[in-house]
């Protein structure tokens, strides 16, 4: 079982997290930057300006994002390869009106074809 993800560790330690709802026009580079490298080796926000902090003090993306949610963890479920966190929303904001980027859209239109 591989669950040595830094984000998971931080959420378990603090009991809170933010979620940014990405838009269909999000560039692959943003997804690569935040989802395909570890925070153990790089500060993901060191040279990335389009973000803000919510009332809980955590960062959320503001560019290519149509909403953000701040949550307090209420339950966690071990799914073997992943940990699922169920949170109560403590703050939310509408940031844009673009269509949200679904997993299907990512695979169809954003993910590089090999």
PDB file of N, CA and C in Angstrom:
ATOM      1  N   UNK A   1       0.846  -1.185   0.000  1.00  0.00           N
ATOM      2  CA  UNK A   1       0.000   0.000   0.000  1.00  0.00           C
ATOM      3  C   UNK A   1       0.884   1.238   0.000  1.00  0.00           C
ATOM      4  N   UNK A   2       0.732   2.100  -1.005  1.00  0.00           N
ATOM      5  CA  UNK A   2       1.534   3.312  -1.154  1.00  0.00           C
ATOM      6  C   UNK A   2       0.686   4.535  -0.849  1.00  0.00           C
ATOM      7  N   UNK A   3       0.876   5.144   0.329  1.00  0.00           N
ATOM      8  CA  UNK A   3       0.149   6.372   0.656  1.00  0.00           C
ATOM      9  C   UNK A   3       1.081   7.347   1.361  1.00  0.00           C
ATOM     10  N   UNK A   4       2.274   7.547   0.812  1.00  0.00           N
ATOM     11  CA  UNK A   4       3.243   8.441   1.419  1.00  0.00           C
ATOM     12  C   UNK A   4       3.189   9.823   0.786  1.00  0.00           C
ATOM     13  N   UNK A   5       2.013  10.294   0.482  1.00  0.00           N
ATOM     14  CA  UNK A   5       1.787  11.572  -0.165  1.00  0.00           C
ATOM     15  C   UNK A   5       1.845  12.691   0.875  1.00  0.00           C
ATOM     16  N   UNK A   6       2.610  13.743   0.577  1.00  0.00           N
ATOM     17  CA  UNK A   6       2.755  14.858   1.514  1.00  0.00           C
ATOM     18  C   UNK A   6       1.424  15.556   1.764  1.00  0.00           C
ATOM     19  N   UNK A   7       0.626  15.739   0.736  1.00  0.00           N
ATOM     20  CA  UNK A   7      -0.679  16.383   0.918  1.00  0.00           C
ATOM     21  C   UNK A   7      -1.535  15.587   1.894  1.00  0.00           C
ATOM     22  N   UNK A   8      -1.575  14.269   1.736  1.00  0.00           N
ATOM     23  CA  UNK A   8      -2.330  13.423   2.654  1.00  0.00           C
ATOM     24  C   UNK A   8      -1.844  13.602   4.081  1.00  0.00           C
ATOM     25  N   UNK A   9      -0.535  13.611   4.264  1.00  0.00           N
ATOM     26  CA  UNK A   9       0.031  13.782   5.603  1.00  0.00           C
ATOM     27  C   UNK A   9      -0.382  15.117   6.225  1.00  0.00           C
ATOM     28  N   UNK A  10      -0.337  16.178   5.434  1.00  0.00           N
ATOM     29  CA  UNK A  10      -0.696  17.508   5.943  1.00  0.00           C
ATOM     30  C   UNK A  10      -2.180  17.569   6.302  1.00  0.00           C
ATOM     31  N   UNK A  11      -3.034  17.006   5.444  1.00  0.00           N
ATOM     32  CA  UNK A  11      -4.466  17.008   5.738  1.00  0.00           C
ATOM     33  C   UNK A  11      -4.743  16.215   7.016  1.00  0.00           C
ATOM     34  N   UNK A  12      -4.113  15.062   7.164  1.00  0.00           N
ATOM     35  CA  UNK A  12      -4.318  14.276   8.392  1.00  0.00           C
ATOM     36  C   UNK A  12      -3.834  15.025   9.627  1.00  0.00           C
ATOM     37  N   UNK A  13      -2.718  15.720   9.512  1.00  0.00           N
ATOM     38  CA  UNK A  13      -2.151  16.450  10.656  1.00  0.00           C
ATOM     39  C   UNK A  13      -2.988  17.678  11.030  1.00  0.00           C
ATOM     40  N   UNK A  14      -3.452  18.432  10.024  1.00  0.00           N
ATOM     41  CA  UNK A  14      -4.155  19.686  10.307  1.00  0.00           C
ATOM     42  C   UNK A  14      -5.671  19.530  10.402  1.00  0.00           C
ATOM     43  N   UNK A  15      -6.219  18.510   9.746  1.00  0.00           N
ATOM     44  CA  UNK A  15      -7.658  18.307   9.747  1.00  0.00           C
ATOM     45  C   UNK A  15      -8.414  19.289   8.868  1.00  0.00           C
ATOM     46  N   UNK A  16      -7.729  19.887   7.893  1.00  0.00           N
ATOM     47  CA  UNK A  16      -8.390  20.835   6.992  1.00  0.00           C
ATOM     48  C   UNK A  16      -7.728  20.808   5.627  1.00  0.00           C
ATOM     49  N   UNK A  17      -8.482  21.263   4.640  1.00  0.00           N
ATOM     50  CA  UNK A  17      -7.957  21.329   3.275  1.00  0.00           C
ATOM     51  C   UNK A  17      -8.784  22.310   2.466  1.00  0.00           C
ATOM     52  N   UNK A  18      -8.209  22.758   1.361  1.00  0.00           N
ATOM     53  CA  UNK A  18      -8.904  23.573   0.377  1.00  0.00           C
ATOM     54  C   UNK A  18      -8.960  22.797  -0.925  1.00  0.00           C
ATOM     55  N   UNK A  19     -10.014  23.037  -1.690  1.00  0.00           N
ATOM     56  CA  UNK A  19     -10.142  22.451  -3.028  1.00  0.00           C
ATOM     57  C   UNK A  19     -10.438  23.572  -4.010  1.00  0.00           C
ATOM     58  N   UNK A  20      -9.675  23.604  -5.100  1.00  0.00           N
ATOM     59  CA  UNK A  20      -9.907  24.564  -6.184  1.00  0.00           C
ATOM     60  C   UNK A  20     -10.534  23.802  -7.337  1.00  0.00           C
ATOM     61  N   UNK A  21     -11.645  24.295  -7.871  1.00  0.00           N
ATOM     62  CA  UNK A  21     -12.315  23.661  -8.999  1.00  0.00           C
ATOM     63  C   UNK A  21     -11.740  24.258 -10.283  1.00  0.00           C
ATOM     64  N   UNK A  22     -10.934  23.472 -10.966  1.00  0.00           N
ATOM     65  CA  UNK A  22     -10.268  23.940 -12.177  1.00  0.00           C
ATOM     66  C   UNK A  22     -11.251  24.049 -13.344  1.00  0.00           C
ATOM     67  N   UNK A  23     -10.942  24.950 -14.265  1.00  0.00           N
ATOM     68  CA  UNK A  23     -11.781  25.161 -15.444  1.00  0.00           C
ATOM     69  C   UNK A  23     -11.238  24.388 -16.639  1.00  0.00           C
ATOM     70  N   UNK A  24     -12.076  24.238 -17.670  1.00  0.00           N
ATOM     71  CA  UNK A  24     -11.661  23.505 -18.864  1.00  0.00           C
ATOM     72  C   UNK A  24     -10.470  24.132 -19.564  1.00  0.00           C
ATOM     73  N   UNK A  25     -10.233  25.428 -19.352  1.00  0.00           N
ATOM     74  CA  UNK A  25      -9.107  26.083 -20.020  1.00  0.00           C
ATOM     75  C   UNK A  25      -7.803  26.019 -19.215  1.00  0.00           C
ATOM     76  N   UNK A  26      -7.778  25.227 -18.158  1.00  0.00           N
ATOM     77  CA  UNK A  26      -6.550  25.103 -17.369  1.00  0.00           C
ATOM     78  C   UNK A  26      -5.449  24.486 -18.238  1.00  0.00           C
ATOM     79  N   UNK A  27      -4.270  25.096 -18.256  1.00  0.00           N
ATOM     80  CA  UNK A  27      -3.177  24.517 -19.050  1.00  0.00           C
ATOM     81  C   UNK A  27      -2.617  23.255 -18.390  1.00  0.00           C
ATOM     82  N   UNK A  28      -2.146  22.344 -19.230  1.00  0.00           N
ATOM     83  CA  UNK A  28      -1.533  21.122 -18.715  1.00  0.00           C
ATOM     84  C   UNK A  28      -0.409  21.454 -17.740  1.00  0.00           C
ATOM     85  N   UNK A  29       0.334  22.527 -17.986  1.00  0.00           N
ATOM     86  CA  UNK A  29       1.454  22.892 -17.109  1.00  0.00           C
ATOM     87  C   UNK A  29       0.988  23.102 -15.658  1.00  0.00           C
ATOM     88  N   UNK A  30      -0.181  23.676 -15.461  1.00  0.00           N
ATOM     89  CA  UNK A  30      -0.699  23.860 -14.104  1.00  0.00           C
ATOM     90  C   UNK A  30      -0.979  22.511 -13.456  1.00  0.00           C
ATOM     91  N   UNK A  31      -1.588  21.610 -14.197  1.00  0.00           N
ATOM     92  CA  UNK A  31      -1.867  20.270 -13.675  1.00  0.00           C
ATOM     93  C   UNK A  31      -0.564  19.539 -13.378  1.00  0.00           C
ATOM     94  N   UNK A  32       0.388  19.628 -14.285  1.00  0.00           N
ATOM     95  CA  UNK A  32       1.691  18.984 -14.075  1.00  0.00           C
ATOM     96  C   UNK A  32       2.366  19.556 -12.843  1.00  0.00           C
ATOM     97  N   UNK A  33       2.359  20.878 -12.730  1.00  0.00           N
ATOM     98  CA  UNK A  33       3.055  21.560 -11.638  1.00  0.00           C
ATOM     99  C   UNK A  33       2.518  21.142 -10.266  1.00  0.00           C
ATOM    100  N   UNK A  34       1.201  21.080 -10.128  1.00  0.00           N
ATOM    101  CA  UNK A  34       0.620  20.781  -8.820  1.00  0.00           C
ATOM    102  C   UNK A  34       0.339  19.305  -8.591  1.00  0.00           C
ATOM    103  N   UNK A  35       0.161  18.531  -9.659  1.00  0.00           N
ATOM    104  CA  UNK A  35      -0.223  17.146  -9.470  1.00  0.00           C
ATOM    105  C   UNK A  35       0.801  16.100  -9.828  1.00  0.00           C
ATOM    106  N   UNK A  36       1.918  16.509 -10.438  1.00  0.00           N
ATOM    107  CA  UNK A  36       2.865  15.506 -10.916  1.00  0.00           C
ATOM    108  C   UNK A  36       4.280  15.724 -10.400  1.00  0.00           C
ATOM    109  N   UNK A  37       4.392  16.403  -9.274  1.00  0.00           N
ATOM    110  CA  UNK A  37       5.675  16.535  -8.592  1.00  0.00           C
ATOM    111  C   UNK A  37       5.379  16.621  -7.099  1.00  0.00           C
ATOM    112  N   UNK A  38       6.349  16.294  -6.304  1.00  0.00           N
ATOM    113  CA  UNK A  38       6.128  16.257  -4.866  1.00  0.00           C
ATOM    114  C   UNK A  38       6.513  17.560  -4.176  1.00  0.00           C
ATOM    115  N   UNK A  39       5.720  17.934  -3.202  1.00  0.00           N
ATOM    116  CA  UNK A  39       6.036  19.088  -2.374  1.00  0.00           C
ATOM    117  C   UNK A  39       7.209  18.829  -1.444  1.00  0.00           C
ATOM    118  N   UNK A  40       7.649  17.585  -1.361  1.00  0.00           N
ATOM    119  CA  UNK A  40       8.837  17.265  -0.552  1.00  0.00           C
ATOM    120  C   UNK A  40      10.109  17.799  -1.210  1.00  0.00           C
ATOM    121  N   UNK A  41      10.053  17.974  -2.535  1.00  0.00           N
ATOM    122  CA  UNK A  41      11.241  18.397  -3.271  1.00  0.00           C
ATOM    123  C   UNK A  41      11.163  19.813  -3.818  1.00  0.00           C
ATOM    124  N   UNK A  42       9.983  20.395  -3.847  1.00  0.00           N
ATOM    125  CA  UNK A  42       9.838  21.745  -4.388  1.00  0.00           C
ATOM    126  C   UNK A  42       8.699  22.486  -3.688  1.00  0.00           C
ATOM    127  N   UNK A  43       8.866  23.764  -3.500  1.00  0.00           N
ATOM    128  CA  UNK A  43       7.798  24.608  -2.981  1.00  0.00           C
ATOM    129  C   UNK A  43       6.942  24.989  -4.181  1.00  0.00           C
ATOM    130  N   UNK A  44       5.782  24.389  -4.306  1.00  0.00           N
ATOM    131  CA  UNK A  44       4.946  24.566  -5.484  1.00  0.00           C
ATOM    132  C   UNK A  44       4.442  25.993  -5.664  1.00  0.00           C
ATOM    133  N   UNK A  45       4.432  26.779  -4.603  1.00  0.00           N
ATOM    134  CA  UNK A  45       3.938  28.150  -4.707  1.00  0.00           C
ATOM    135  C   UNK A  45       5.056  29.193  -4.717  1.00  0.00           C
ATOM    136  N   UNK A  46       6.306  28.780  -4.701  1.00  0.00           N
ATOM    137  CA  UNK A  46       7.433  29.718  -4.645  1.00  0.00           C
ATOM    138  C   UNK A  46       7.442  30.686  -5.830  1.00  0.00           C
ATOM    139  N   UNK A  47       7.158  30.213  -7.014  1.00  0.00           N
ATOM    140  CA  UNK A  47       7.193  31.053  -8.218  1.00  0.00           C
ATOM    141  C   UNK A  47       5.858  30.996  -8.951  1.00  0.00           C
ATOM    142  N   UNK A  48       4.782  30.876  -8.182  1.00  0.00           N
ATOM    143  CA  UNK A  48       3.442  30.773  -8.752  1.00  0.00           C
ATOM    144  C   UNK A  48       2.574  31.823  -8.079  1.00  0.00           C
ATOM    145  N   UNK A  49       2.238  32.881  -8.795  1.00  0.00           N
ATOM    146  CA  UNK A  49       1.570  34.035  -8.186  1.00  0.00           C
ATOM    147  C   UNK A  49       0.045  33.953  -8.092  1.00  0.00           C
ATOM    148  N   UNK A  50      -0.673  33.333  -9.034  1.00  0.00           N
ATOM    149  CA  UNK A  50      -2.135  33.425  -8.976  1.00  0.00           C
ATOM    150  C   UNK A  50      -2.775  32.524  -7.912  1.00  0.00           C
ATOM    151  N   UNK A  51      -2.611  32.923  -6.645  1.00  0.00           N
ATOM    152  CA  UNK A  51      -3.258  32.211  -5.551  1.00  0.00           C
ATOM    153  C   UNK A  51      -3.633  33.197  -4.465  1.00  0.00           C
ATOM    154  N   UNK A  52      -4.456  32.727  -3.553  1.00  0.00           N
ATOM    155  CA  UNK A  52      -4.880  33.536  -2.422  1.00  0.00           C
ATOM    156  C   UNK A  52      -4.985  32.619  -1.202  1.00  0.00           C
ATOM    157  N   UNK A  53      -5.271  33.215  -0.051  1.00  0.00           N
ATOM    158  CA  UNK A  53      -5.462  32.422   1.170  1.00  0.00           C
ATOM    159  C   UNK A  53      -6.900  32.563   1.644  1.00  0.00           C
ATOM    160  N   UNK A  54      -7.450  31.476   2.078  1.00  0.00           N
ATOM    161  CA  UNK A  54      -8.804  31.478   2.622  1.00  0.00           C
ATOM    162  C   UNK A  54      -8.743  31.817   4.109  1.00  0.00           C
ATOM    163  N   UNK A  55      -9.905  31.903   4.734  1.00  0.00           N
ATOM    164  CA  UNK A  55      -9.967  32.246   6.159  1.00  0.00           C
ATOM    165  C   UNK A  55      -9.269  31.217   7.034  1.00  0.00           C
ATOM    166  N   UNK A  56      -9.152  29.967   6.545  1.00  0.00           N
ATOM    167  CA  UNK A  56      -8.464  28.932   7.327  1.00  0.00           C
ATOM    168  C   UNK A  56      -6.945  29.007   7.180  1.00  0.00           C
ATOM    169  N   UNK A  57      -6.465  29.997   6.402  1.00  0.00           N
ATOM    170  CA  UNK A  57      -5.028  30.204   6.227  1.00  0.00           C
ATOM    171  C   UNK A  57      -4.390  29.399   5.126  1.00  0.00           C
ATOM    172  N   UNK A  58      -5.148  28.529   4.497  1.00  0.00           N
ATOM    173  CA  UNK A  58      -4.606  27.686   3.431  1.00  0.00           C
ATOM    174  C   UNK A  58      -4.728  28.374   2.076  1.00  0.00           C
ATOM    175  N   UNK A  59      -3.896  27.937   1.155  1.00  0.00           N
ATOM    176  CA  UNK A  59      -3.830  28.516  -0.186  1.00  0.00           C
ATOM    177  C   UNK A  59      -4.859  27.855  -1.109  1.00  0.00           C
ATOM    178  N   UNK A  60      -5.382  28.662  -2.048  1.00  0.00           N
ATOM    179  CA  UNK A  60      -6.186  28.116  -3.134  1.00  0.00           C
ATOM    180  C   UNK A  60      -5.814  28.853  -4.417  1.00  0.00           C
ATOM    181  N   UNK A  61      -5.956  28.168  -5.544  1.00  0.00           N
ATOM    182  CA  UNK A  61      -5.643  28.756  -6.841  1.00  0.00           C
ATOM    183  C   UNK A  61      -6.730  29.736  -7.254  1.00  0.00           C
ATOM    184  N   UNK A  62      -6.342  30.805  -7.936  1.00  0.00           N
ATOM    185  CA  UNK A  62      -7.304  31.814  -8.378  1.00  0.00           C
ATOM    186  C   UNK A  62      -7.356  31.949  -9.898  1.00  0.00           C
ATOM    187  N   UNK A  63      -6.427  31.347 -10.610  1.00  0.00           N
ATOM    188  CA  UNK A  63      -6.394  31.418 -12.078  1.00  0.00           C
ATOM    189  C   UNK A  63      -6.802  30.066 -12.638  1.00  0.00           C
ATOM    190  N   UNK A  64      -7.648  30.076 -13.679  1.00  0.00           N
ATOM    191  CA  UNK A  64      -8.186  28.847 -14.266  1.00  0.00           C
ATOM    192  C   UNK A  64      -8.957  28.065 -13.205  1.00  0.00           C
ATOM    193  N   UNK A  65      -9.676  28.802 -12.372  1.00  0.00           N
ATOM    194  CA  UNK A  65     -10.438  28.225 -11.263  1.00  0.00           C
ATOM    195  C   UNK A  65     -11.793  28.907 -11.202  1.00  0.00           C
ATOM    196  N   UNK A  66     -12.859  28.124 -11.095  1.00  0.00           N
ATOM    197  CA  UNK A  66     -14.172  28.764 -11.030  1.00  0.00           C
ATOM    198  C   UNK A  66     -14.802  28.716  -9.639  1.00  0.00           C
ATOM    199  N   UNK A  67     -14.182  27.995  -8.707  1.00  0.00           N
ATOM    200  CA  UNK A  67     -14.689  27.967  -7.337  1.00  0.00           C
ATOM    201  C   UNK A  67     -13.615  27.427  -6.411  1.00  0.00           C
ATOM    202  N   UNK A  68     -13.766  27.760  -5.138  1.00  0.00           N
ATOM    203  CA  UNK A  68     -12.892  27.171  -4.113  1.00  0.00           C
ATOM    204  C   UNK A  68     -13.758  26.777  -2.925  1.00  0.00           C
ATOM    205  N   UNK A  69     -13.301  25.751  -2.226  1.00  0.00           N
ATOM    206  CA  UNK A  69     -13.968  25.274  -1.021  1.00  0.00           C
ATOM    207  C   UNK A  69     -12.920  25.059   0.063  1.00  0.00           C
ATOM    208  N   UNK A  70     -13.167  25.591   1.242  1.00  0.00           N
ATOM    209  CA  UNK A  70     -12.351  25.287   2.411  1.00  0.00           C
ATOM    210  C   UNK A  70     -13.142  24.277   3.229  1.00  0.00           C
ATOM    211  N   UNK A  71     -12.464  23.255   3.706  1.00  0.00           N
ATOM    212  CA  UNK A  71     -13.165  22.178   4.407  1.00  0.00           C
ATOM    213  C   UNK A  71     -12.442  21.767   5.687  1.00  0.00           C
ATOM    214  N   UNK A  72     -13.227  21.294   6.617  1.00  0.00           N
ATOM    215  CA  UNK A  72     -12.724  20.682   7.845  1.00  0.00           C
ATOM    216  C   UNK A  72     -13.009  19.188   7.732  1.00  0.00           C
ATOM    217  N   UNK A  73     -11.995  18.365   7.947  1.00  0.00           N
ATOM    218  CA  UNK A  73     -12.147  16.918   7.807  1.00  0.00           C
ATOM    219  C   UNK A  73     -13.108  16.394   8.871  1.00  0.00           C
ATOM    220  N   UNK A  74     -14.090  15.637   8.411  1.00  0.00           N
ATOM    221  CA  UNK A  74     -15.050  15.003   9.311  1.00  0.00           C
ATOM    222  C   UNK A  74     -14.867  13.493   9.365  1.00  0.00           C
ATOM    223  N   UNK A  75     -14.321  12.950   8.272  1.00  0.00           N
ATOM    224  CA  UNK A  75     -14.117  11.504   8.206  1.00  0.00           C
ATOM    225  C   UNK A  75     -13.034  11.211   7.182  1.00  0.00           C
ATOM    226  N   UNK A  76     -12.329  10.132   7.385  1.00  0.00           N
ATOM    227  CA  UNK A  76     -11.370   9.675   6.379  1.00  0.00           C
ATOM    228  C   UNK A  76     -11.583   8.190   6.173  1.00  0.00           C
ATOM    229  N   UNK A  77     -11.450   7.780   4.906  1.00  0.00           N
ATOM    230  CA  UNK A  77     -11.662   6.389   4.543  1.00  0.00           C
ATOM    231  C   UNK A  77     -10.452   5.903   3.763  1.00  0.00           C
ATOM    232  N   UNK A  78      -9.833   4.844   4.256  1.00  0.00           N
ATOM    233  CA  UNK A  78      -8.675   4.258   3.596  1.00  0.00           C
ATOM    234  C   UNK A  78      -9.156   3.389   2.443  1.00  0.00           C
ATOM    235  N   UNK A  79      -8.791   3.774   1.223  1.00  0.00           N
ATOM    236  CA  UNK A  79      -9.187   3.034   0.027  1.00  0.00           C
ATOM    237  C   UNK A  79      -8.060   2.159  -0.498  1.00  0.00           C
ATOM    238  N   UNK A  80      -7.061   1.915   0.310  1.00  0.00           N
ATOM    239  CA  UNK A  80      -5.924   1.091  -0.096  1.00  0.00           C
ATOM    240  C   UNK A  80      -4.826   1.934  -0.702  1.00  0.00           C
ATOM    241  N   UNK A  81      -4.996   2.344  -1.956  1.00  0.00           N
ATOM    242  CA  UNK A  81      -3.974   3.166  -2.611  1.00  0.00           C
ATOM    243  C   UNK A  81      -4.182   4.652  -2.361  1.00  0.00           C
ATOM    244  N   UNK A  82      -5.334   5.030  -1.806  1.00  0.00           N
ATOM    245  CA  UNK A  82      -5.663   6.434  -1.567  1.00  0.00           C
ATOM    246  C   UNK A  82      -6.398   6.578  -0.237  1.00  0.00           C
ATOM    247  N   UNK A  83      -6.366   7.782   0.282  1.00  0.00           N
ATOM    248  CA  UNK A  83      -7.167   8.124   1.444  1.00  0.00           C
ATOM    249  C   UNK A  83      -8.236   9.102   0.970  1.00  0.00           C
ATOM    250  N   UNK A  84      -9.499   8.808   1.248  1.00  0.00           N
ATOM    251  CA  UNK A  84     -10.581   9.715   0.894  1.00  0.00           C
ATOM    252  C   UNK A  84     -10.953  10.524   2.135  1.00  0.00           C
ATOM    253  N   UNK A  85     -10.909  11.849   1.995  1.00  0.00           N
ATOM    254  CA  UNK A  85     -11.281  12.736   3.081  1.00  0.00           C
ATOM    255  C   UNK A  85     -12.673  13.284   2.809  1.00  0.00           C
ATOM    256  N   UNK A  86     -13.543  13.200   3.790  1.00  0.00           N
ATOM    257  CA  UNK A  86     -14.878  13.782   3.703  1.00  0.00           C
ATOM    258  C   UNK A  86     -14.854  15.014   4.595  1.00  0.00           C
ATOM    259  N   UNK A  87     -15.172  16.164   4.007  1.00  0.00           N
ATOM    260  CA  UNK A  87     -15.051  17.406   4.745  1.00  0.00           C
ATOM    261  C   UNK A  87     -16.342  18.193   4.801  1.00  0.00           C
ATOM    262  N   UNK A  88     -16.457  18.997   5.840  1.00  0.00           N
ATOM    263  CA  UNK A  88     -17.548  19.958   5.951  1.00  0.00           C
ATOM    264  C   UNK A  88     -17.049  21.280   5.417  1.00  0.00           C
ATOM    265  N   UNK A  89     -17.794  21.874   4.503  1.00  0.00           N
ATOM    266  CA  UNK A  89     -17.392  23.139   3.905  1.00  0.00           C
ATOM    267  C   UNK A  89     -17.539  24.254   4.936  1.00  0.00           C
ATOM    268  N   UNK A  90     -16.439  24.993   5.145  1.00  0.00           N
ATOM    269  CA  UNK A  90     -16.438  26.110   6.092  1.00  0.00           C
ATOM    270  C   UNK A  90     -16.385  27.461   5.387  1.00  0.00           C
ATOM    271  N   UNK A  91     -16.013  27.443   4.102  1.00  0.00           N
ATOM    272  CA  UNK A  91     -15.960  28.657   3.290  1.00  0.00           C
ATOM    273  C   UNK A  91     -16.003  28.231   1.830  1.00  0.00           C
ATOM    274  N   UNK A  92     -16.630  29.050   1.003  1.00  0.00           N
ATOM    275  CA  UNK A  92     -16.639  28.788  -0.444  1.00  0.00           C
ATOM    276  C   UNK A  92     -16.733  30.114  -1.180  1.00  0.00           C
ATOM    277  N   UNK A  93     -16.222  30.114  -2.403  1.00  0.00           N
ATOM    278  CA  UNK A  93     -16.276  31.315  -3.239  1.00  0.00           C
ATOM    279  C   UNK A  93     -16.454  30.904  -4.692  1.00  0.00           C
ATOM    280  N   UNK A  94     -17.263  31.670  -5.404  1.00  0.00           N
ATOM    281  CA  UNK A  94     -17.361  31.539  -6.853  1.00  0.00           C
ATOM    282  C   UNK A  94     -16.296  32.468  -7.427  1.00  0.00           C
ATOM    283  N   UNK A  95     -15.439  31.931  -8.285  1.00  0.00           N
ATOM    284  CA  UNK A  95     -14.333  32.704  -8.839  1.00  0.00           C
ATOM    285  C   UNK A  95     -14.469  32.937 -10.339  1.00  0.00           C
ATOM    286  N   UNK A  96     -15.356  32.224 -10.994  1.00  0.00           N
ATOM    287  CA  UNK A  96     -15.526  32.376 -12.428  1.00  0.00           C
ATOM    288  C   UNK A  96     -16.733  31.598 -12.909  1.00  0.00           C
ATOM    289  N   UNK A  97     -16.971  31.668 -14.216  1.00  0.00           N
ATOM    290  CA  UNK A  97     -18.148  31.008 -14.787  1.00  0.00           C
ATOM    291  C   UNK A  97     -17.790  30.013 -15.884  1.00  0.00           C
ATOM    292  N   UNK A  98     -16.517  29.699 -16.018  1.00  0.00           N
ATOM    293  CA  UNK A  98     -16.081  28.735 -17.021  1.00  0.00           C
ATOM    294  C   UNK A  98     -16.592  27.340 -16.654  1.00  0.00           C
ATOM    295  N   UNK A  99     -16.780  26.463 -17.623  1.00  0.00           N
ATOM    296  CA  UNK A  99     -17.142  25.077 -17.305  1.00  0.00           C
ATOM    297  C   UNK A  99     -16.017  24.416 -16.503  1.00  0.00           C
ATOM    298  N   UNK A 100     -16.366  23.562 -15.549  1.00  0.00           N
ATOM    299  CA  UNK A 100     -15.333  22.880 -14.768  1.00  0.00           C
ATOM    300  C   UNK A 100     -14.626  21.816 -15.592  1.00  0.00           C
ATOM    301  N   UNK A 101     -13.393  21.585 -15.268  1.00  0.00           N
ATOM    302  CA  UNK A 101     -12.592  20.559 -15.947  1.00  0.00           C
ATOM    303  C   UNK A 101     -12.886  19.204 -15.309  1.00  0.00           C
ATOM    304  N   UNK A 102     -13.538  18.354 -16.070  1.00  0.00           N
ATOM    305  CA  UNK A 102     -13.816  17.001 -15.598  1.00  0.00           C
ATOM    306  C   UNK A 102     -12.640  16.089 -15.949  1.00  0.00           C
ATOM    307  N   UNK A 103     -12.637  14.918 -15.367  1.00  0.00           N
ATOM    308  CA  UNK A 103     -11.601  13.930 -15.674  1.00  0.00           C
ATOM    309  C   UNK A 103     -11.672  13.552 -17.156  1.00  0.00           C
ATOM    310  N   UNK A 104     -12.887  13.416 -17.674  1.00  0.00           N
ATOM    311  CA  UNK A 104     -13.059  13.076 -19.094  1.00  0.00           C
ATOM    312  C   UNK A 104     -12.510  14.180 -19.994  1.00  0.00           C
ATOM    313  N   UNK A 105     -12.795  15.450 -19.655  1.00  0.00           N
ATOM    314  CA  UNK A 105     -12.280  16.563 -20.459  1.00  0.00           C
ATOM    315  C   UNK A 105     -10.754  16.592 -20.409  1.00  0.00           C
ATOM    316  N   UNK A 106     -10.185  16.374 -19.247  1.00  0.00           N
ATOM    317  CA  UNK A 106      -8.724  16.341 -19.112  1.00  0.00           C
ATOM    318  C   UNK A 106      -8.132  15.316 -20.086  1.00  0.00           C
ATOM    319  N   UNK A 107      -8.672  14.110 -20.107  1.00  0.00           N
ATOM    320  CA  UNK A 107      -8.130  13.061 -20.975  1.00  0.00           C
ATOM    321  C   UNK A 107      -8.381  13.351 -22.454  1.00  0.00           C
ATOM    322  N   UNK A 108      -9.501  13.987 -22.772  1.00  0.00           N
ATOM    323  CA  UNK A 108      -9.851  14.271 -24.161  1.00  0.00           C
ATOM    324  C   UNK A 108      -9.101  15.476 -24.725  1.00  0.00           C
ATOM    325  N   UNK A 109      -8.940  16.540 -23.926  1.00  0.00           N
ATOM    326  CA  UNK A 109      -8.488  17.809 -24.489  1.00  0.00           C
ATOM    327  C   UNK A 109      -7.228  18.423 -23.873  1.00  0.00           C
ATOM    328  N   UNK A 110      -6.795  17.945 -22.704  1.00  0.00           N
ATOM    329  CA  UNK A 110      -5.655  18.602 -22.032  1.00  0.00           C
ATOM    330  C   UNK A 110      -4.424  17.701 -21.972  1.00  0.00           C
ATOM    331  N   UNK A 111      -4.619  16.470 -21.553  1.00  0.00           N
ATOM    332  CA  UNK A 111      -3.485  15.547 -21.376  1.00  0.00           C
ATOM    333  C   UNK A 111      -2.754  15.352 -22.691  1.00  0.00           C
ATOM    334  N   UNK A 112      -1.431  15.520 -22.667  1.00  0.00           N
ATOM    335  CA  UNK A 112      -0.659  15.324 -23.905  1.00  0.00           C
ATOM    336  C   UNK A 112      -0.830  13.906 -24.450  1.00  0.00           C
ATOM    337  N   UNK A 113      -0.934  13.802 -25.760  1.00  0.00           N
ATOM    338  CA  UNK A 113      -1.049  12.502 -26.426  1.00  0.00           C
ATOM    339  C   UNK A 113       0.352  11.976 -26.706  1.00  0.00           C
ATOM    340  N   UNK A 114       0.580  10.745 -26.364  1.00  0.00           N
ATOM    341  CA  UNK A 114       1.904  10.130 -26.594  1.00  0.00           C
ATOM    342  C   UNK A 114       1.965   9.409 -27.897  1.00  0.00           C
TER     343      UNK A 114
END
